[in-house]
């Protein structure tokens, strides 16, 4: 059982400036945000068996894992950035930039430099990009609150070192212009704040620190297979691990070092298709199909150490379909006079989300019985839904 009241007040102000100097595009900005948090936590659990409370069957109710805390904290962040985009030649461009951030919570001045090089051959249908940089993220309120509600006010920033290589290629095939894009990346993090999934909440291990890495690649190809209607196919592969520092434990007199563990985001494969078409004899009627697949995700009971997260959320599968009628489409033979006179666009949509009504699990609710056995009760995402909408744009 839980009662959580989190009131947040955020004030933010930002200035962005872009200036052109010959072959340079110089950008800079300033940002300030002030976040105030008033957090009240009242959580507990108990074991219920056939209508009475265990382990005590008397009038006394014994509650377990009781959390009763109230936190009030004010966090201020100051940041500034500069960036210079410079044309090295007609086919090459260089971007150099840096961001500086100061947080009143961690009292750290964080510098995050970045660099990007883009090369476009004379053929003008290919682009090659390489980027590298350092990313340092000051701690937020959620990352400093541990499972018991106590705040780790000594929390420091998370940091990572990122690099990526991208490639774009445009070509003609299937009677149209297609565009292929790809990107491979690698990220090493020397300081992470690990977390677990508890029901539908993210809970940070605020007193733990980990190091980790992620690498993968994204691919997509798309174009107008049907005139003026863009369709695409996308696929992503990724691997993400982390090693929590000093998380060894003793088992049967032997010290066990768990080493690298799968991060909760370690989803190896994602695939999606979005395809559009129109009726040949009635081109104002269109249809679109959206199909998605995501492989399983690692998870474990919320009250156990991270190295026991050896279970998985099943793979995600979903198919959507939608139909539309564009009353003022250029291909319309007869446009309603009233609509054509007063509106620039009138489109009616009918969509079916999760058409196959697949039960996709988003997380688990872990229940424990009197024998200390835990059961995973799945939380499902929304089933099949129908959506009807009308989009109208007035003429200027």
Protein backbone atom coordinates (compact mmCIF):
# COMPACT_ATOMS: atom_id res chain seq x y z
CA UNK A 1 0.00 0.00 0.00
CA UNK A 2 1.27 3.49 -0.71
CA UNK A 3 0.37 7.14 -0.57
CA UNK A 4 2.76 9.48 -2.35
CA UNK A 5 2.24 13.20 -2.74
CA UNK A 6 4.96 14.94 -4.75
CA UNK A 7 4.47 18.64 -5.41
CA UNK A 8 6.99 20.22 -7.75
CA UNK A 9 7.41 23.88 -8.68
CA UNK A 10 9.78 24.63 -11.54
CA UNK A 11 10.85 28.05 -12.75
CA UNK A 12 13.02 28.18 -15.86
CA UNK A 13 14.35 30.92 -18.09
CA UNK A 14 16.53 30.57 -21.19
CA UNK A 15 18.20 32.76 -23.79
CA UNK A 16 19.42 31.44 -27.18
CA UNK A 17 21.35 33.46 -29.76
CA UNK A 18 22.54 32.53 -33.28
CA UNK A 19 24.96 34.76 -35.17
CA UNK A 20 26.48 34.44 -38.66
CA UNK A 21 30.10 35.43 -39.34
CA UNK A 22 31.24 34.61 -42.87
CA UNK A 23 31.56 30.79 -42.90
CA UNK A 24 30.74 30.51 -39.21
CA UNK A 25 27.40 30.08 -37.46
CA UNK A 26 28.04 30.96 -33.82
CA UNK A 27 25.48 29.94 -31.19
CA UNK A 28 25.39 30.58 -27.48
CA UNK A 29 22.87 30.49 -24.68
CA UNK A 30 22.18 30.84 -20.98
CA UNK A 31 19.70 28.92 -18.85
CA UNK A 32 18.56 29.00 -15.24
CA UNK A 33 16.08 26.69 -13.55
CA UNK A 34 14.92 26.49 -9.96
CA UNK A 35 13.05 23.38 -8.80
CA UNK A 36 11.29 23.10 -5.45
CA UNK A 37 10.13 19.68 -4.23
CA UNK A 38 7.68 18.85 -1.43
CA UNK A 39 7.55 15.06 -1.18
CA UNK A 40 5.41 13.10 1.29
CA UNK A 41 5.80 9.32 1.36
CA UNK A 42 3.64 6.92 3.35
CA UNK A 43 4.23 3.34 2.23
CA UNK A 44 3.87 -0.07 3.82
CA UNK A 45 2.97 -3.64 2.94
CA UNK A 46 1.43 -6.60 4.71
CA UNK A 47 0.55 -10.22 3.99
CA UNK A 48 -3.15 -10.98 3.65
CA UNK A 49 -4.40 -14.59 3.84
CA UNK A 50 -8.09 -15.49 3.55
CA UNK A 51 -9.21 -12.15 4.97
CA UNK A 52 -6.89 -11.77 7.96
CA UNK A 53 -3.50 -10.19 8.41
CA UNK A 54 -0.37 -12.27 8.83
CA UNK A 55 1.92 -12.92 10.64
CA UNK A 56 -0.08 -11.61 13.64
CA UNK A 57 -3.66 -12.95 13.84
CA UNK A 58 -4.58 -10.80 16.86
CA UNK A 59 -6.04 -7.31 16.87
CA UNK A 60 -2.59 -5.90 16.21
CA UNK A 61 -1.67 -5.35 12.58
CA UNK A 62 2.01 -5.72 11.81
CA UNK A 63 3.10 -3.64 8.82
CA UNK A 64 6.30 -4.35 6.93
CA UNK A 65 8.68 -2.08 5.02
CA UNK A 66 7.10 1.04 6.50
CA UNK A 67 8.22 4.33 4.94
CA UNK A 68 6.94 7.59 6.41
CA UNK A 69 9.01 10.52 5.22
CA UNK A 70 8.61 14.13 4.19
CA UNK A 71 11.29 15.80 2.09
CA UNK A 72 11.60 19.44 1.12
CA UNK A 73 14.44 20.52 -1.12
CA UNK A 74 15.30 23.38 -3.46
CA UNK A 75 17.64 22.73 -6.42
CA UNK A 76 19.09 25.45 -8.67
CA UNK A 77 20.89 24.74 -11.96
CA UNK A 78 22.86 27.27 -14.02
CA UNK A 79 24.07 26.40 -17.50
CA UNK A 80 25.59 28.02 -20.56
CA UNK A 81 26.68 26.71 -23.93
CA UNK A 82 28.65 27.86 -26.96
CA UNK A 83 28.87 26.28 -30.40
CA UNK A 84 30.58 27.15 -33.66
CA UNK A 85 29.53 25.58 -36.97
CA UNK A 86 32.19 26.15 -39.60
CA UNK A 87 32.27 25.22 -43.29
CA UNK A 88 35.69 23.71 -43.93
CA UNK A 89 34.93 23.38 -47.65
CA UNK A 90 31.99 22.88 -49.98
CA UNK A 91 31.76 19.27 -48.83
CA UNK A 92 32.82 19.35 -45.16
CA UNK A 93 31.48 21.00 -42.02
CA UNK A 94 32.83 21.11 -38.49
CA UNK A 95 30.93 21.78 -35.27
CA UNK A 96 32.66 22.45 -31.97
CA UNK A 97 30.85 23.23 -28.77
CA UNK A 98 30.80 22.97 -25.02
CA UNK A 99 28.26 23.21 -22.22
CA UNK A 100 28.99 24.31 -18.65
CA UNK A 101 26.60 23.49 -15.81
CA UNK A 102 26.62 24.29 -12.10
CA UNK A 103 24.22 22.61 -9.68
CA UNK A 104 23.49 23.89 -6.19
CA UNK A 105 22.90 20.27 -5.11
CA UNK A 106 26.18 18.63 -6.13
CA UNK A 107 28.16 21.90 -6.06
CA UNK A 108 30.04 20.80 -9.17
CA UNK A 109 31.02 22.80 -12.21
CA UNK A 110 30.52 20.40 -15.11
CA UNK A 111 32.10 20.93 -18.55
CA UNK A 112 30.76 18.88 -21.47
CA UNK A 113 32.60 19.38 -24.79
CA UNK A 114 31.35 17.95 -28.10
CA UNK A 115 32.49 17.74 -31.71
CA UNK A 116 30.85 16.78 -35.01
CA UNK A 117 32.33 16.42 -38.50
CA UNK A 118 30.07 16.03 -41.53
CA UNK A 119 31.37 15.17 -44.99
CA UNK A 120 29.28 15.30 -48.15
CA UNK A 121 30.99 14.08 -51.36
CA UNK A 122 30.51 15.95 -54.60
CA UNK A 123 27.83 13.44 -55.66
CA UNK A 124 25.59 15.17 -53.09
CA UNK A 125 23.63 11.99 -52.30
CA UNK A 126 25.82 10.77 -49.43
CA UNK A 127 26.62 12.16 -46.00
CA UNK A 128 29.13 10.78 -43.52
CA UNK A 129 29.06 12.03 -39.91
CA UNK A 130 31.31 11.46 -36.94
CA UNK A 131 30.61 12.84 -33.48
CA UNK A 132 32.21 12.57 -30.07
CA UNK A 133 31.64 14.24 -26.75
CA UNK A 134 31.38 14.13 -23.01
CA UNK A 135 27.99 14.29 -21.29
CA UNK A 136 27.71 15.16 -17.60
CA UNK A 137 24.29 15.25 -15.97
CA UNK A 138 23.81 16.90 -12.56
CA UNK A 139 21.75 14.87 -10.07
CA UNK A 140 17.99 15.42 -9.92
CA UNK A 141 15.65 14.92 -6.98
CA UNK A 142 14.60 11.40 -8.00
CA UNK A 143 18.21 10.22 -8.30
CA UNK A 144 19.07 11.25 -4.73
CA UNK A 145 16.06 9.59 -3.02
CA UNK A 146 16.73 6.01 -1.95
CA UNK A 147 14.19 3.20 -1.45
CA UNK A 148 13.47 4.32 2.13
CA UNK A 149 12.90 7.95 1.13
CA UNK A 150 16.15 9.24 2.63
CA UNK A 151 17.99 11.80 0.50
CA UNK A 152 21.62 11.38 -0.47
CA UNK A 153 22.55 15.06 -0.64
CA UNK A 154 26.17 14.14 -1.41
CA UNK A 155 25.18 12.66 -4.77
CA UNK A 156 27.42 13.68 -7.67
CA UNK A 157 26.81 13.98 -11.40
CA UNK A 158 26.56 11.09 -13.82
CA UNK A 159 29.06 11.20 -16.68
CA UNK A 160 29.57 9.41 -19.98
CA UNK A 161 31.80 9.54 -23.06
CA UNK A 162 29.95 9.18 -26.36
CA UNK A 163 30.99 8.56 -29.94
CA UNK A 164 28.95 7.77 -33.05
CA UNK A 165 29.40 7.27 -36.78
CA UNK A 166 26.52 7.94 -39.17
CA UNK A 167 25.94 7.42 -42.87
CA UNK A 168 23.15 8.62 -45.19
CA UNK A 169 22.65 7.55 -48.78
CA UNK A 170 19.91 8.64 -51.21
CA UNK A 171 19.20 6.52 -54.28
CA UNK A 172 16.51 5.71 -56.81
CA UNK A 173 14.67 2.37 -56.64
CA UNK A 174 11.14 1.01 -57.03
CA UNK A 175 10.23 4.07 -59.07
CA UNK A 176 10.93 6.56 -56.29
CA UNK A 177 13.68 8.33 -54.33
CA UNK A 178 14.70 6.39 -51.23
CA UNK A 179 16.88 7.44 -48.32
CA UNK A 180 18.96 5.02 -46.24
CA UNK A 181 20.28 6.20 -42.89
CA UNK A 182 22.42 4.36 -40.38
CA UNK A 183 24.29 5.15 -37.19
CA UNK A 184 26.58 3.11 -34.96
CA UNK A 185 27.38 4.34 -31.46
CA UNK A 186 29.31 3.51 -28.32
CA UNK A 187 28.93 5.09 -24.88
CA UNK A 188 31.07 4.45 -21.83
CA UNK A 189 29.91 5.77 -18.45
CA UNK A 190 32.35 5.99 -15.60
CA UNK A 191 29.65 7.11 -13.15
CA UNK A 192 26.01 5.99 -13.23
CA UNK A 193 23.24 5.90 -10.66
CA UNK A 194 21.63 2.44 -11.01
CA UNK A 195 17.88 1.95 -10.69
CA UNK A 196 15.18 -0.71 -10.51
CA UNK A 197 11.60 -0.89 -11.79
CA UNK A 198 9.03 -1.18 -8.99
CA UNK A 199 5.55 -1.71 -10.39
CA UNK A 200 5.26 1.37 -12.64
CA UNK A 201 7.88 3.46 -10.83
CA UNK A 202 11.59 3.94 -11.33
CA UNK A 203 13.44 3.69 -8.03
CA UNK A 204 17.06 4.78 -7.94
CA UNK A 205 19.69 3.11 -5.82
CA UNK A 206 20.75 6.53 -4.59
CA UNK A 207 23.60 5.24 -2.43
CA UNK A 208 25.09 3.04 -5.15
CA UNK A 209 27.37 3.95 -8.05
CA UNK A 210 27.99 1.92 -11.18
CA UNK A 211 30.01 2.09 -14.37
CA UNK A 212 28.68 0.83 -17.65
CA UNK A 213 28.58 0.92 -21.41
CA UNK A 214 26.12 0.76 -24.27
CA UNK A 215 26.65 0.14 -27.94
CA UNK A 216 24.39 -0.46 -30.89
CA UNK A 217 23.26 0.62 -34.33
CA UNK A 218 20.17 2.14 -35.94
CA UNK A 219 19.07 1.58 -39.54
CA UNK A 220 16.18 3.00 -41.54
CA UNK A 221 15.08 3.22 -45.15
CA UNK A 222 12.15 5.24 -46.39
CA UNK A 223 10.65 7.22 -49.17
CA UNK A 224 7.48 7.97 -51.09
CA UNK A 225 6.51 4.52 -52.37
CA UNK A 226 3.17 6.24 -53.03
CA UNK A 227 3.36 9.86 -54.22
CA UNK A 228 3.31 12.39 -51.34
CA UNK A 229 3.02 9.60 -48.72
CA UNK A 230 6.22 8.74 -46.85
CA UNK A 231 6.72 5.16 -45.62
CA UNK A 232 9.71 3.74 -43.75
CA UNK A 233 11.27 0.64 -42.21
CA UNK A 234 13.45 0.92 -39.09
CA UNK A 235 15.58 -1.48 -37.07
CA UNK A 236 17.73 -0.92 -33.98
CA UNK A 237 20.06 -3.21 -32.06
CA UNK A 238 21.53 -2.33 -28.66
CA UNK A 239 23.40 -3.83 -25.73
CA UNK A 240 23.66 -2.05 -22.36
CA UNK A 241 25.49 -3.31 -19.25
CA UNK A 242 26.55 -1.88 -15.91
CA UNK A 243 28.76 -2.96 -13.02
CA UNK A 244 27.70 -1.73 -9.58
CA UNK A 245 30.79 -0.89 -7.57
CA UNK A 246 31.31 -2.78 -4.29
CA UNK A 247 28.23 -5.01 -4.68
CA UNK A 248 29.98 -8.25 -3.72
CA UNK A 249 28.27 -10.68 -1.31
CA UNK A 250 29.21 -13.83 0.59
CA UNK A 251 27.57 -17.15 -0.29
CA UNK A 252 28.54 -20.39 1.49
CA UNK A 253 31.69 -18.74 2.74
CA UNK A 254 32.73 -17.57 -0.73
CA UNK A 255 32.78 -13.94 -1.86
CA UNK A 256 30.80 -13.49 -5.07
CA UNK A 257 31.43 -10.57 -7.44
CA UNK A 258 28.37 -10.16 -9.72
CA UNK A 259 30.31 -8.08 -12.26
CA UNK A 260 28.47 -6.61 -15.23
CA UNK A 261 24.68 -6.84 -15.26
CA UNK A 262 22.11 -6.04 -17.92
CA UNK A 263 20.74 -2.52 -17.55
CA UNK A 264 16.94 -2.17 -17.40
CA UNK A 265 17.17 -0.55 -20.87
CA UNK A 266 18.97 -3.54 -22.43
CA UNK A 267 16.51 -4.17 -25.26
CA UNK A 268 18.48 -5.98 -27.95
CA UNK A 269 16.17 -5.50 -30.93
CA UNK A 270 13.57 -2.96 -32.05
CA UNK A 271 11.82 -3.09 -35.40
CA UNK A 272 9.07 -0.93 -36.87
CA UNK A 273 7.23 -0.49 -40.17
CA UNK A 274 5.11 2.48 -41.16
CA UNK A 275 3.43 2.19 -44.55
CA UNK A 276 0.92 4.49 -46.26
CA UNK A 277 -1.22 3.98 -49.35
CA UNK A 278 -4.27 5.44 -51.05
CA UNK A 279 -7.16 3.94 -53.00
CA UNK A 280 -6.39 3.90 -56.70
CA UNK A 281 -9.84 4.99 -57.85
CA UNK A 282 -10.52 7.26 -54.85
CA UNK A 283 -7.18 8.89 -53.92
CA UNK A 284 -8.72 11.06 -51.19
CA UNK A 285 -9.12 7.87 -49.11
CA UNK A 286 -5.87 6.79 -47.46
CA UNK A 287 -4.76 4.01 -45.17
CA UNK A 288 -1.70 3.64 -42.94
CA UNK A 289 -0.30 0.60 -41.16
CA UNK A 290 2.07 0.73 -38.19
CA UNK A 291 3.76 -2.40 -36.82
CA UNK A 292 6.24 -2.49 -33.91
CA UNK A 293 8.34 -5.17 -32.23
CA UNK A 294 10.66 -4.80 -29.24
CA UNK A 295 12.56 -7.70 -27.69
CA UNK A 296 12.33 -8.57 -24.00
CA UNK A 297 13.66 -6.38 -21.15
CA UNK A 298 15.42 -7.50 -17.94
CA UNK A 299 13.62 -7.04 -14.61
CA UNK A 300 13.58 -8.39 -11.07
CA UNK A 301 11.73 -8.08 -7.73
CA UNK A 302 11.83 -4.55 -6.35
CA UNK A 303 13.11 -5.48 -2.88
CA UNK A 304 16.04 -7.65 -4.02
CA UNK A 305 19.59 -6.63 -5.04
CA UNK A 306 20.22 -5.73 -8.67
CA UNK A 307 22.25 -8.87 -9.34
CA UNK A 308 19.06 -10.92 -8.82
CA UNK A 309 17.29 -9.22 -11.73
CA UNK A 310 17.27 -12.39 -13.82
CA UNK A 311 13.69 -12.25 -15.10
CA UNK A 312 12.42 -10.67 -18.31
CA UNK A 313 9.45 -8.65 -19.50
CA UNK A 314 8.11 -10.40 -22.64
CA UNK A 315 8.69 -8.85 -26.03
CA UNK A 316 6.51 -5.94 -27.13
CA UNK A 317 4.28 -6.44 -30.19
CA UNK A 318 1.73 -4.05 -31.63
CA UNK A 319 -0.08 -3.35 -34.90
CA UNK A 320 -2.09 -0.18 -35.61
CA UNK A 321 -4.17 0.65 -38.65
CA UNK A 322 -5.79 3.92 -39.66
CA UNK A 323 -8.05 5.25 -42.40
CA UNK A 324 -8.52 8.86 -43.46
CA UNK A 325 -10.61 10.96 -45.80
CA UNK A 326 -9.10 14.24 -47.04
CA UNK A 327 -12.07 16.31 -48.25
CA UNK A 328 -9.85 19.03 -49.77
CA UNK A 329 -7.09 16.87 -51.22
CA UNK A 330 -5.66 18.13 -54.51
CA UNK A 331 -6.72 14.84 -56.09
CA UNK A 332 -10.38 15.32 -55.10
CA UNK A 333 -12.68 15.56 -58.12
CA UNK A 334 -15.51 17.25 -56.23
CA UNK A 335 -14.67 19.41 -53.23
CA UNK A 336 -17.55 20.52 -50.96
CA UNK A 337 -18.03 24.22 -51.73
CA UNK A 338 -18.55 25.30 -48.13
CA UNK A 339 -15.40 23.52 -46.93
CA UNK A 340 -13.32 24.70 -49.89
CA UNK A 341 -14.36 28.30 -49.29
CA UNK A 342 -13.65 28.46 -45.54
CA UNK A 343 -10.96 25.86 -44.84
CA UNK A 344 -7.55 24.96 -46.18
CA UNK A 345 -7.66 21.38 -44.86
CA UNK A 346 -10.38 19.05 -43.53
CA UNK A 347 -9.30 15.48 -42.75
CA UNK A 348 -11.32 12.81 -40.94
CA UNK A 349 -9.40 9.94 -39.31
CA UNK A 350 -10.51 6.57 -37.94
CA UNK A 351 -7.78 4.55 -36.23
CA UNK A 352 -7.53 1.21 -34.47
CA UNK A 353 -4.65 1.06 -31.97
CA UNK A 354 -3.32 -2.36 -30.94
CA UNK A 355 -5.55 -3.93 -33.57
CA UNK A 356 -4.67 -7.50 -32.52
CA UNK A 357 -5.45 -6.70 -28.85
CA UNK A 358 -2.10 -8.05 -27.64
CA UNK A 359 -1.47 -7.98 -23.88
CA UNK A 360 1.87 -6.19 -23.66
CA UNK A 361 3.50 -6.28 -20.21
CA UNK A 362 5.02 -3.01 -19.01
CA UNK A 363 6.12 -4.16 -15.52
CA UNK A 364 5.25 -6.52 -12.67
CA UNK A 365 3.65 -6.14 -9.26
CA UNK A 366 5.53 -8.48 -6.91
CA UNK A 367 3.38 -10.11 -4.21
CA UNK A 368 4.78 -12.23 -1.37
CA UNK A 369 2.88 -14.97 0.46
CA UNK A 370 3.29 -16.30 4.01
CA UNK A 371 5.98 -18.73 2.84
CA UNK A 372 8.06 -15.80 1.53
CA UNK A 373 7.42 -16.84 -2.08
CA UNK A 374 7.05 -13.94 -4.51
CA UNK A 375 4.60 -13.91 -7.41
CA UNK A 376 4.92 -11.63 -10.43
CA UNK A 377 1.57 -10.08 -11.41
CA UNK A 378 1.91 -8.38 -14.81
CA UNK A 379 0.82 -4.81 -15.48
CA UNK A 380 -0.50 -4.62 -19.03
CA UNK A 381 -0.48 -1.69 -21.40
CA UNK A 382 -3.70 -0.51 -23.07
CA UNK A 383 -5.52 -3.07 -25.19
CA UNK A 384 -7.36 -2.41 -28.42
CA UNK A 385 -8.63 1.16 -28.78
CA UNK A 386 -10.65 3.01 -31.39
CA UNK A 387 -9.98 6.64 -32.19
CA UNK A 388 -12.00 9.07 -34.31
CA UNK A 389 -10.64 12.56 -34.94
CA UNK A 390 -11.24 15.49 -37.24
CA UNK A 391 -8.44 17.92 -38.14
CA UNK A 392 -9.59 21.27 -39.54
CA UNK A 393 -7.39 24.18 -40.67
CA UNK A 394 -8.90 27.58 -41.46
CA UNK A 395 -7.81 29.59 -44.46
CA UNK A 396 -5.52 32.53 -43.73
